[in-house]
Amino acid sequence: MEPVILTAVISAIVSLTVTLITVFASRSSIRAEREKLERELQRSMTIKLYDVRLKTYPKAIEITEGLRKSQMAEQGESISEGYFRNILNQLDAWHATEAGFIISRDSLYKLYALREAIREKPEANGKYSQEQIRKIWEAKGAFRAALRADIQLLFKEEEAEDIQDD
């Protein structure tokens, strides 16, 4: 083969190799930048979500305050269906606000369980049994714990980032 042609072929192969390496490096760099941007965007959206949760969740805690054992005990043996219906209506109204958009799936399921427990009709004598009161109280506790867990996720996320940064 002619030295001129051989030089041109070698030059073309080297040029093609450098071009391919540059393309792969650029694609990798672009992918890394895109992932970084997506993480930053996700973080920004997460911060906004937590801000709204911090504004909205205290109302649910306030509403369920009436389901504490001491609050229900103050109502006496004749705790009424209307007492629970009032709390249920307040919970439904709370859920109909922006809370319905930002509540986590776990908290939502706990809310459904609480609603179900509250909706249970009193026993035949028109009074709620200790078992019914216990179910309502436990459902309230589970719901509140889920709300707190939704807020604490932010702190767990920050801990995980701190570990990765080390």
N, C-alpha and C. Protein backbone atom coordinates (compact mmCIF):
# COMPACT_ATOMS: atom_id res chain seq x y z
N MET A 1 0.84 -1.17 0.00
CA MET A 1 0.00 0.00 0.00
C MET A 1 0.89 1.24 0.00
N GLU A 2 0.44 2.24 -0.66
CA GLU A 2 1.18 3.49 -0.78
C GLU A 2 1.28 4.16 0.59
N PRO A 3 2.40 4.75 0.92
CA PRO A 3 2.55 5.42 2.21
C PRO A 3 1.57 6.58 2.40
N VAL A 4 1.23 7.23 1.31
CA VAL A 4 0.29 8.34 1.41
C VAL A 4 -1.09 7.82 1.80
N ILE A 5 -1.51 6.75 1.15
CA ILE A 5 -2.82 6.16 1.45
C ILE A 5 -2.81 5.58 2.86
N LEU A 6 -1.75 4.90 3.23
CA LEU A 6 -1.64 4.32 4.57
C LEU A 6 -1.70 5.42 5.63
N THR A 7 -1.02 6.52 5.39
CA THR A 7 -1.04 7.66 6.31
C THR A 7 -2.46 8.22 6.42
N ALA A 8 -3.14 8.32 5.30
CA ALA A 8 -4.53 8.84 5.31
C ALA A 8 -5.45 7.90 6.06
N VAL A 9 -5.31 6.59 5.85
CA VAL A 9 -6.16 5.60 6.55
C VAL A 9 -5.90 5.65 8.05
N ILE A 10 -4.62 5.68 8.43
CA ILE A 10 -4.28 5.74 9.86
C ILE A 10 -4.81 7.04 10.46
N SER A 11 -4.66 8.11 9.74
CA SER A 11 -5.16 9.40 10.19
C SER A 11 -6.68 9.38 10.36
N ALA A 12 -7.37 8.75 9.41
CA ALA A 12 -8.83 8.65 9.49
C ALA A 12 -9.25 7.79 10.68
N ILE A 13 -8.56 6.69 10.90
CA ILE A 13 -8.89 5.80 12.03
C ILE A 13 -8.65 6.53 13.35
N VAL A 14 -7.54 7.23 13.48
CA VAL A 14 -7.25 7.98 14.70
C VAL A 14 -8.29 9.07 14.90
N SER A 15 -8.62 9.76 13.83
CA SER A 15 -9.61 10.83 13.92
C SER A 15 -10.98 10.27 14.32
N LEU A 16 -11.36 9.15 13.71
CA LEU A 16 -12.64 8.50 14.06
C LEU A 16 -12.63 8.03 15.50
N THR A 17 -11.54 7.47 15.96
CA THR A 17 -11.43 7.00 17.35
C THR A 17 -11.56 8.17 18.32
N VAL A 18 -10.86 9.26 18.03
CA VAL A 18 -10.94 10.44 18.90
C VAL A 18 -12.36 11.00 18.91
N THR A 19 -12.99 11.02 17.76
CA THR A 19 -14.37 11.51 17.66
C THR A 19 -15.32 10.64 18.47
N LEU A 20 -15.18 9.31 18.36
CA LEU A 20 -16.05 8.40 19.13
C LEU A 20 -15.83 8.56 20.63
N ILE A 21 -14.58 8.68 21.02
CA ILE A 21 -14.29 8.88 22.46
C ILE A 21 -14.90 10.19 22.93
N THR A 22 -14.80 11.24 22.14
CA THR A 22 -15.38 12.53 22.50
C THR A 22 -16.89 12.45 22.60
N VAL A 23 -17.52 11.74 21.65
CA VAL A 23 -18.98 11.58 21.68
C VAL A 23 -19.41 10.84 22.93
N PHE A 24 -18.74 9.73 23.25
CA PHE A 24 -19.10 8.97 24.44
C PHE A 24 -18.87 9.78 25.71
N ALA A 25 -17.77 10.52 25.76
CA ALA A 25 -17.49 11.35 26.93
C ALA A 25 -18.54 12.45 27.07
N SER A 26 -18.90 13.05 25.95
CA SER A 26 -19.92 14.11 25.98
C SER A 26 -21.27 13.57 26.42
N ARG A 27 -21.65 12.42 25.88
CA ARG A 27 -22.94 11.82 26.28
C ARG A 27 -22.95 11.50 27.76
N SER A 28 -21.84 10.97 28.24
CA SER A 28 -21.75 10.64 29.65
C SER A 28 -21.84 11.90 30.50
N SER A 29 -21.18 12.95 30.08
CA SER A 29 -21.20 14.21 30.80
C SER A 29 -22.61 14.81 30.78
N ILE A 30 -23.27 14.77 29.64
CA ILE A 30 -24.63 15.30 29.51
C ILE A 30 -25.59 14.50 30.40
N ARG A 31 -25.45 13.19 30.41
CA ARG A 31 -26.30 12.33 31.24
C ARG A 31 -26.10 12.66 32.72
N ALA A 32 -24.85 12.83 33.12
CA ALA A 32 -24.56 13.16 34.52
C ALA A 32 -25.15 14.53 34.89
N GLU A 33 -25.03 15.49 34.01
CA GLU A 33 -25.61 16.82 34.25
C GLU A 33 -27.13 16.75 34.35
N ARG A 34 -27.75 15.96 33.45
CA ARG A 34 -29.21 15.83 33.47
C ARG A 34 -29.67 15.19 34.78
N GLU A 35 -28.97 14.14 35.22
CA GLU A 35 -29.32 13.49 36.47
C GLU A 35 -29.16 14.44 37.65
N LYS A 36 -28.09 15.25 37.61
CA LYS A 36 -27.88 16.23 38.68
C LYS A 36 -29.01 17.25 38.69
N LEU A 37 -29.39 17.73 37.52
CA LEU A 37 -30.48 18.69 37.41
C LEU A 37 -31.80 18.09 37.90
N GLU A 38 -32.05 16.84 37.53
CA GLU A 38 -33.28 16.16 37.99
C GLU A 38 -33.29 16.02 39.50
N ARG A 39 -32.13 15.67 40.10
CA ARG A 39 -32.05 15.57 41.57
C ARG A 39 -32.32 16.91 42.23
N GLU A 40 -31.76 17.97 41.65
CA GLU A 40 -31.98 19.32 42.20
C GLU A 40 -33.45 19.72 42.08
N LEU A 41 -34.05 19.42 40.96
CA LEU A 41 -35.47 19.72 40.76
C LEU A 41 -36.33 18.92 41.74
N GLN A 42 -36.00 17.63 41.90
CA GLN A 42 -36.73 16.79 42.85
C GLN A 42 -36.59 17.34 44.26
N ARG A 43 -35.40 17.76 44.61
CA ARG A 43 -35.15 18.31 45.94
C ARG A 43 -35.98 19.59 46.13
N SER A 44 -36.02 20.43 45.12
CA SER A 44 -36.79 21.66 45.19
C SER A 44 -38.28 21.36 45.38
N MET A 45 -38.78 20.40 44.63
CA MET A 45 -40.20 20.02 44.76
C MET A 45 -40.47 19.40 46.13
N THR A 46 -39.52 18.61 46.62
CA THR A 46 -39.68 18.00 47.94
C THR A 46 -39.74 19.07 49.02
N ILE A 47 -38.92 20.08 48.91
CA ILE A 47 -38.93 21.17 49.89
C ILE A 47 -40.28 21.88 49.86
N LYS A 48 -40.80 22.12 48.67
CA LYS A 48 -42.11 22.76 48.57
C LYS A 48 -43.19 21.88 49.18
N LEU A 49 -43.11 20.57 48.92
CA LEU A 49 -44.08 19.63 49.49
C LEU A 49 -44.04 19.69 51.01
N TYR A 50 -42.84 19.66 51.59
CA TYR A 50 -42.73 19.70 53.04
C TYR A 50 -43.21 21.03 53.62
N ASP A 51 -42.98 22.11 52.91
CA ASP A 51 -43.49 23.40 53.37
C ASP A 51 -45.02 23.37 53.47
N VAL A 52 -45.65 22.82 52.46
CA VAL A 52 -47.12 22.74 52.47
C VAL A 52 -47.58 21.77 53.56
N ARG A 53 -46.89 20.66 53.70
CA ARG A 53 -47.25 19.72 54.77
C ARG A 53 -47.12 20.36 56.14
N LEU A 54 -46.04 21.10 56.35
CA LEU A 54 -45.85 21.77 57.64
C LEU A 54 -46.94 22.80 57.91
N LYS A 55 -47.50 23.34 56.86
CA LYS A 55 -48.59 24.32 57.01
C LYS A 55 -49.94 23.62 57.21
N THR A 56 -50.12 22.45 56.58
CA THR A 56 -51.42 21.79 56.52
C THR A 56 -51.63 20.74 57.62
N TYR A 57 -50.62 19.97 57.93
CA TYR A 57 -50.77 18.85 58.86
C TYR A 57 -51.18 19.24 60.29
N PRO A 58 -50.71 20.37 60.82
CA PRO A 58 -51.13 20.71 62.18
C PRO A 58 -52.65 20.79 62.35
N LYS A 59 -53.36 21.17 61.31
CA LYS A 59 -54.82 21.23 61.39
C LYS A 59 -55.39 19.84 61.64
N ALA A 60 -54.83 18.82 61.00
CA ALA A 60 -55.31 17.45 61.21
C ALA A 60 -55.03 17.01 62.65
N ILE A 61 -53.89 17.39 63.16
CA ILE A 61 -53.56 17.07 64.56
C ILE A 61 -54.56 17.76 65.48
N GLU A 62 -54.86 19.01 65.18
CA GLU A 62 -55.83 19.77 65.97
C GLU A 62 -57.21 19.12 65.93
N ILE A 63 -57.64 18.70 64.76
CA ILE A 63 -58.96 18.07 64.61
C ILE A 63 -59.03 16.78 65.41
N THR A 64 -57.97 15.98 65.35
CA THR A 64 -57.98 14.68 66.03
C THR A 64 -57.71 14.78 67.53
N GLU A 65 -57.46 15.99 67.99
CA GLU A 65 -57.26 16.19 69.43
C GLU A 65 -58.47 15.69 70.22
N GLY A 66 -59.64 15.82 69.65
CA GLY A 66 -60.86 15.35 70.32
C GLY A 66 -60.95 13.84 70.43
N LEU A 67 -60.03 13.11 69.82
CA LEU A 67 -60.05 11.64 69.88
C LEU A 67 -59.02 11.10 70.87
N ARG A 68 -58.40 12.00 71.61
CA ARG A 68 -57.50 11.54 72.67
C ARG A 68 -58.33 10.91 73.78
N LYS A 69 -57.74 9.98 74.50
CA LYS A 69 -58.47 9.28 75.57
C LYS A 69 -59.05 10.27 76.58
N SER A 70 -58.25 11.25 76.97
CA SER A 70 -58.72 12.21 77.97
C SER A 70 -59.89 13.03 77.44
N GLN A 71 -59.83 13.41 76.17
CA GLN A 71 -60.91 14.20 75.58
C GLN A 71 -62.20 13.37 75.47
N MET A 72 -62.05 12.12 75.09
CA MET A 72 -63.24 11.26 74.99
C MET A 72 -63.79 10.93 76.37
N ALA A 73 -62.89 10.80 77.35
CA ALA A 73 -63.32 10.52 78.71
C ALA A 73 -64.13 11.68 79.28
N GLU A 74 -63.78 12.89 78.91
CA GLU A 74 -64.53 14.07 79.37
C GLU A 74 -65.98 14.03 78.88
N GLN A 75 -66.23 13.35 77.77
CA GLN A 75 -67.59 13.25 77.23
C GLN A 75 -68.44 12.29 78.07
N GLY A 76 -67.76 11.47 78.86
CA GLY A 76 -68.47 10.55 79.74
C GLY A 76 -68.95 9.31 78.99
N GLU A 77 -69.72 8.51 79.70
CA GLU A 77 -70.23 7.24 79.16
C GLU A 77 -71.16 7.46 77.98
N SER A 78 -71.77 8.61 77.94
CA SER A 78 -72.76 8.86 76.89
C SER A 78 -72.16 9.65 75.73
N ILE A 79 -70.92 9.34 75.38
CA ILE A 79 -70.29 10.02 74.25
C ILE A 79 -71.18 9.79 73.03
N SER A 80 -71.49 10.87 72.36
CA SER A 80 -72.53 10.79 71.33
C SER A 80 -71.97 10.52 69.94
N GLU A 81 -72.85 10.03 69.11
CA GLU A 81 -72.53 9.83 67.71
C GLU A 81 -72.25 11.18 67.05
N GLY A 82 -72.95 12.20 67.49
CA GLY A 82 -72.76 13.55 66.97
C GLY A 82 -71.36 14.08 67.26
N TYR A 83 -70.81 13.71 68.42
CA TYR A 83 -69.45 14.12 68.78
C TYR A 83 -68.46 13.61 67.73
N PHE A 84 -68.60 12.33 67.41
CA PHE A 84 -67.71 11.73 66.42
C PHE A 84 -68.01 12.24 65.01
N ARG A 85 -69.27 12.45 64.72
CA ARG A 85 -69.65 12.95 63.39
C ARG A 85 -69.05 14.34 63.14
N ASN A 86 -69.03 15.17 64.17
CA ASN A 86 -68.43 16.49 64.06
C ASN A 86 -66.94 16.38 63.71
N ILE A 87 -66.23 15.50 64.40
CA ILE A 87 -64.81 15.30 64.12
C ILE A 87 -64.62 14.74 62.71
N LEU A 88 -65.47 13.81 62.34
CA LEU A 88 -65.39 13.22 61.00
C LEU A 88 -65.62 14.29 59.92
N ASN A 89 -66.61 15.15 60.15
CA ASN A 89 -66.87 16.23 59.19
C ASN A 89 -65.68 17.19 59.06
N GLN A 90 -65.05 17.47 60.18
CA GLN A 90 -63.87 18.33 60.14
C GLN A 90 -62.71 17.66 59.39
N LEU A 91 -62.54 16.36 59.63
CA LEU A 91 -61.49 15.61 58.91
C LEU A 91 -61.77 15.60 57.41
N ASP A 92 -63.03 15.37 57.05
CA ASP A 92 -63.41 15.36 55.63
C ASP A 92 -63.16 16.73 55.00
N ALA A 93 -63.50 17.79 55.73
CA ALA A 93 -63.27 19.15 55.21
C ALA A 93 -61.78 19.42 55.07
N TRP A 94 -60.97 18.96 56.04
CA TRP A 94 -59.52 19.12 55.96
C TRP A 94 -58.97 18.38 54.73
N HIS A 95 -59.44 17.16 54.53
CA HIS A 95 -58.96 16.35 53.40
C HIS A 95 -59.39 16.94 52.06
N ALA A 96 -60.46 17.70 52.05
CA ALA A 96 -60.95 18.31 50.81
C ALA A 96 -60.14 19.55 50.42
N THR A 97 -59.21 19.96 51.27
CA THR A 97 -58.36 21.11 50.95
C THR A 97 -57.10 20.61 50.24
N GLU A 98 -56.07 21.43 50.23
CA GLU A 98 -54.81 21.02 49.61
C GLU A 98 -54.21 19.79 50.27
N ALA A 99 -54.66 19.48 51.47
CA ALA A 99 -54.16 18.29 52.16
C ALA A 99 -54.39 17.03 51.33
N GLY A 100 -55.49 16.99 50.59
CA GLY A 100 -55.78 15.83 49.76
C GLY A 100 -54.76 15.61 48.66
N PHE A 101 -54.03 16.65 48.30
CA PHE A 101 -53.02 16.54 47.24
C PHE A 101 -51.64 16.18 47.77
N ILE A 102 -51.37 16.50 49.02
CA ILE A 102 -50.01 16.36 49.53
C ILE A 102 -49.85 15.23 50.54
N ILE A 103 -50.93 14.62 50.94
CA ILE A 103 -50.86 13.56 51.93
C ILE A 103 -50.22 12.32 51.31
N SER A 104 -49.36 11.66 52.05
CA SER A 104 -48.71 10.46 51.54
C SER A 104 -49.72 9.31 51.48
N ARG A 105 -49.36 8.31 50.73
CA ARG A 105 -50.24 7.14 50.59
C ARG A 105 -50.47 6.47 51.95
N ASP A 106 -49.41 6.33 52.74
CA ASP A 106 -49.55 5.69 54.04
C ASP A 106 -50.48 6.50 54.95
N SER A 107 -50.29 7.80 54.97
CA SER A 107 -51.16 8.66 55.80
C SER A 107 -52.60 8.61 55.30
N LEU A 108 -52.77 8.54 54.00
CA LEU A 108 -54.12 8.46 53.43
C LEU A 108 -54.82 7.18 53.88
N TYR A 109 -54.11 6.07 53.83
CA TYR A 109 -54.70 4.80 54.28
C TYR A 109 -55.04 4.83 55.76
N LYS A 110 -54.18 5.50 56.53
CA LYS A 110 -54.46 5.65 57.98
C LYS A 110 -55.67 6.55 58.19
N LEU A 111 -55.82 7.56 57.36
CA LEU A 111 -57.00 8.43 57.43
C LEU A 111 -58.26 7.63 57.11
N TYR A 112 -58.20 6.80 56.09
CA TYR A 112 -59.35 5.96 55.74
C TYR A 112 -59.71 5.04 56.91
N ALA A 113 -58.71 4.46 57.55
CA ALA A 113 -58.96 3.57 58.69
C ALA A 113 -59.60 4.35 59.84
N LEU A 114 -59.14 5.56 60.07
CA LEU A 114 -59.72 6.40 61.12
C LEU A 114 -61.16 6.75 60.79
N ARG A 115 -61.41 7.13 59.57
CA ARG A 115 -62.79 7.44 59.16
C ARG A 115 -63.69 6.23 59.38
N GLU A 116 -63.20 5.07 58.99
CA GLU A 116 -64.01 3.85 59.15
C GLU A 116 -64.32 3.59 60.62
N ALA A 117 -63.32 3.76 61.46
CA ALA A 117 -63.53 3.55 62.90
C ALA A 117 -64.54 4.55 63.47
N ILE A 118 -64.45 5.80 63.04
CA ILE A 118 -65.37 6.83 63.54
C ILE A 118 -66.78 6.59 63.03
N ARG A 119 -66.91 6.11 61.81
CA ARG A 119 -68.23 5.89 61.20
C ARG A 119 -68.99 4.71 61.79
N GLU A 120 -68.29 3.87 62.52
CA GLU A 120 -68.96 2.71 63.11
C GLU A 120 -70.06 3.19 64.06
N LYS A 121 -71.22 2.64 63.88
CA LYS A 121 -72.39 3.05 64.69
C LYS A 121 -72.24 2.53 66.12
N PRO A 122 -72.83 3.26 67.07
CA PRO A 122 -72.79 2.77 68.45
C PRO A 122 -73.58 1.46 68.57
N GLU A 123 -73.32 0.77 69.64
CA GLU A 123 -73.99 -0.52 69.83
C GLU A 123 -75.49 -0.30 70.04
N ALA A 124 -76.21 -1.38 70.17
CA ALA A 124 -77.68 -1.36 70.21
C ALA A 124 -78.24 -0.39 71.25
N ASN A 125 -77.58 -0.26 72.37
CA ASN A 125 -78.08 0.63 73.42
C ASN A 125 -77.75 2.10 73.15
N GLY A 126 -77.16 2.39 71.98
CA GLY A 126 -76.85 3.76 71.61
C GLY A 126 -75.56 4.29 72.20
N LYS A 127 -74.82 3.40 72.87
CA LYS A 127 -73.55 3.80 73.48
C LYS A 127 -72.40 3.09 72.78
N TYR A 128 -71.28 3.74 72.76
CA TYR A 128 -70.09 3.14 72.18
C TYR A 128 -69.44 2.22 73.20
N SER A 129 -69.04 1.04 72.75
CA SER A 129 -68.36 0.10 73.64
C SER A 129 -66.91 0.54 73.84
N GLN A 130 -66.29 0.00 74.87
CA GLN A 130 -64.88 0.29 75.11
C GLN A 130 -64.02 -0.16 73.93
N GLU A 131 -64.42 -1.24 73.29
CA GLU A 131 -63.71 -1.75 72.12
C GLU A 131 -63.79 -0.74 70.96
N GLN A 132 -64.95 -0.16 70.74
CA GLN A 132 -65.11 0.84 69.69
C GLN A 132 -64.26 2.08 69.99
N ILE A 133 -64.28 2.52 71.23
CA ILE A 133 -63.48 3.68 71.65
C ILE A 133 -61.99 3.37 71.46
N ARG A 134 -61.58 2.16 71.81
CA ARG A 134 -60.17 1.76 71.66
C ARG A 134 -59.77 1.78 70.17
N LYS A 135 -60.65 1.28 69.30
CA LYS A 135 -60.36 1.26 67.85
C LYS A 135 -60.19 2.68 67.32
N ILE A 136 -61.08 3.56 67.74
CA ILE A 136 -60.99 4.97 67.30
C ILE A 136 -59.69 5.59 67.80
N TRP A 137 -59.37 5.35 69.06
CA TRP A 137 -58.16 5.91 69.66
C TRP A 137 -56.91 5.39 68.94
N GLU A 138 -56.87 4.08 68.67
CA GLU A 138 -55.72 3.49 67.98
C GLU A 138 -55.61 4.01 66.54
N ALA A 139 -56.73 4.14 65.85
CA ALA A 139 -56.72 4.66 64.47
C ALA A 139 -56.24 6.11 64.47
N LYS A 140 -56.65 6.88 65.47
CA LYS A 140 -56.18 8.27 65.60
C LYS A 140 -54.67 8.28 65.79
N GLY A 141 -54.16 7.42 66.65
CA GLY A 141 -52.72 7.35 66.91
C GLY A 141 -51.93 6.96 65.66
N ALA A 142 -52.45 5.98 64.92
CA ALA A 142 -51.78 5.54 63.69
C ALA A 142 -51.77 6.66 62.65
N PHE A 143 -52.88 7.38 62.55
CA PHE A 143 -52.96 8.48 61.59
C PHE A 143 -51.97 9.59 61.95
N ARG A 144 -51.93 9.97 63.20
CA ARG A 144 -51.01 11.01 63.63
C ARG A 144 -49.55 10.57 63.44
N ALA A 145 -49.27 9.30 63.73
CA ALA A 145 -47.91 8.80 63.54
C ALA A 145 -47.51 8.86 62.06
N ALA A 146 -48.45 8.54 61.19
CA ALA A 146 -48.17 8.59 59.75
C ALA A 146 -47.91 10.03 59.31
N LEU A 147 -48.66 10.97 59.84
CA LEU A 147 -48.42 12.38 59.51
C LEU A 147 -47.03 12.81 59.97
N ARG A 148 -46.67 12.41 61.18
CA ARG A 148 -45.33 12.75 61.68
C ARG A 148 -44.25 12.11 60.82
N ALA A 149 -44.48 10.87 60.39
CA ALA A 149 -43.51 10.18 59.54
C ALA A 149 -43.34 10.90 58.20
N ASP A 150 -44.43 11.45 57.68
CA ASP A 150 -44.34 12.21 56.43
C ASP A 150 -43.40 13.40 56.58
N ILE A 151 -43.41 14.02 57.72
CA ILE A 151 -42.55 15.18 57.96
C ILE A 151 -41.12 14.73 58.22
N GLN A 152 -40.97 13.63 58.94
CA GLN A 152 -39.63 13.15 59.28
C GLN A 152 -38.89 12.57 58.09
N LEU A 153 -39.58 12.25 57.01
CA LEU A 153 -38.90 11.75 55.81
C LEU A 153 -37.86 12.75 55.31
N LEU A 154 -38.15 14.02 55.45
CA LEU A 154 -37.21 15.05 55.02
C LEU A 154 -35.90 14.90 55.78
N PHE A 155 -35.99 14.67 57.08
CA PHE A 155 -34.79 14.57 57.88
C PHE A 155 -34.03 13.28 57.56
N LYS A 156 -34.75 12.20 57.27
CA LYS A 156 -34.11 10.95 56.88
C LYS A 156 -33.39 11.13 55.55
N GLU A 157 -33.99 11.87 54.64
CA GLU A 157 -33.37 12.13 53.34
C GLU A 157 -32.07 12.91 53.54
N GLU A 158 -32.09 13.90 54.42
CA GLU A 158 -30.89 14.68 54.69
C GLU A 158 -29.80 13.82 55.31
N GLU A 159 -30.18 12.89 56.22
CA GLU A 159 -29.20 12.00 56.82
C GLU A 159 -28.56 11.12 55.76
N ALA A 160 -29.37 10.61 54.83
CA ALA A 160 -28.84 9.76 53.77
C ALA A 160 -27.87 10.54 52.90
N GLU A 161 -28.15 11.79 52.62
CA GLU A 161 -27.25 12.62 51.81
C GLU A 161 -25.96 12.88 52.56
N ASP A 162 -26.03 13.10 53.88
CA ASP A 162 -24.83 13.34 54.66
C ASP A 162 -23.93 12.11 54.61
N ILE A 163 -24.51 10.94 54.68
CA ILE A 163 -23.73 9.69 54.63
C ILE A 163 -23.07 9.55 53.27
N GLN A 164 -23.78 9.88 52.21
CA GLN A 164 -23.22 9.78 50.86
C GLN A 164 -22.12 10.81 50.64
N ASP A 165 -22.22 11.96 51.27
CA ASP A 165 -21.22 13.01 51.09
C ASP A 165 -19.90 12.67 51.78
N ASP A 166 -19.95 11.84 52.81
CA ASP A 166 -18.72 11.49 53.54
C ASP A 166 -17.80 10.60 52.75
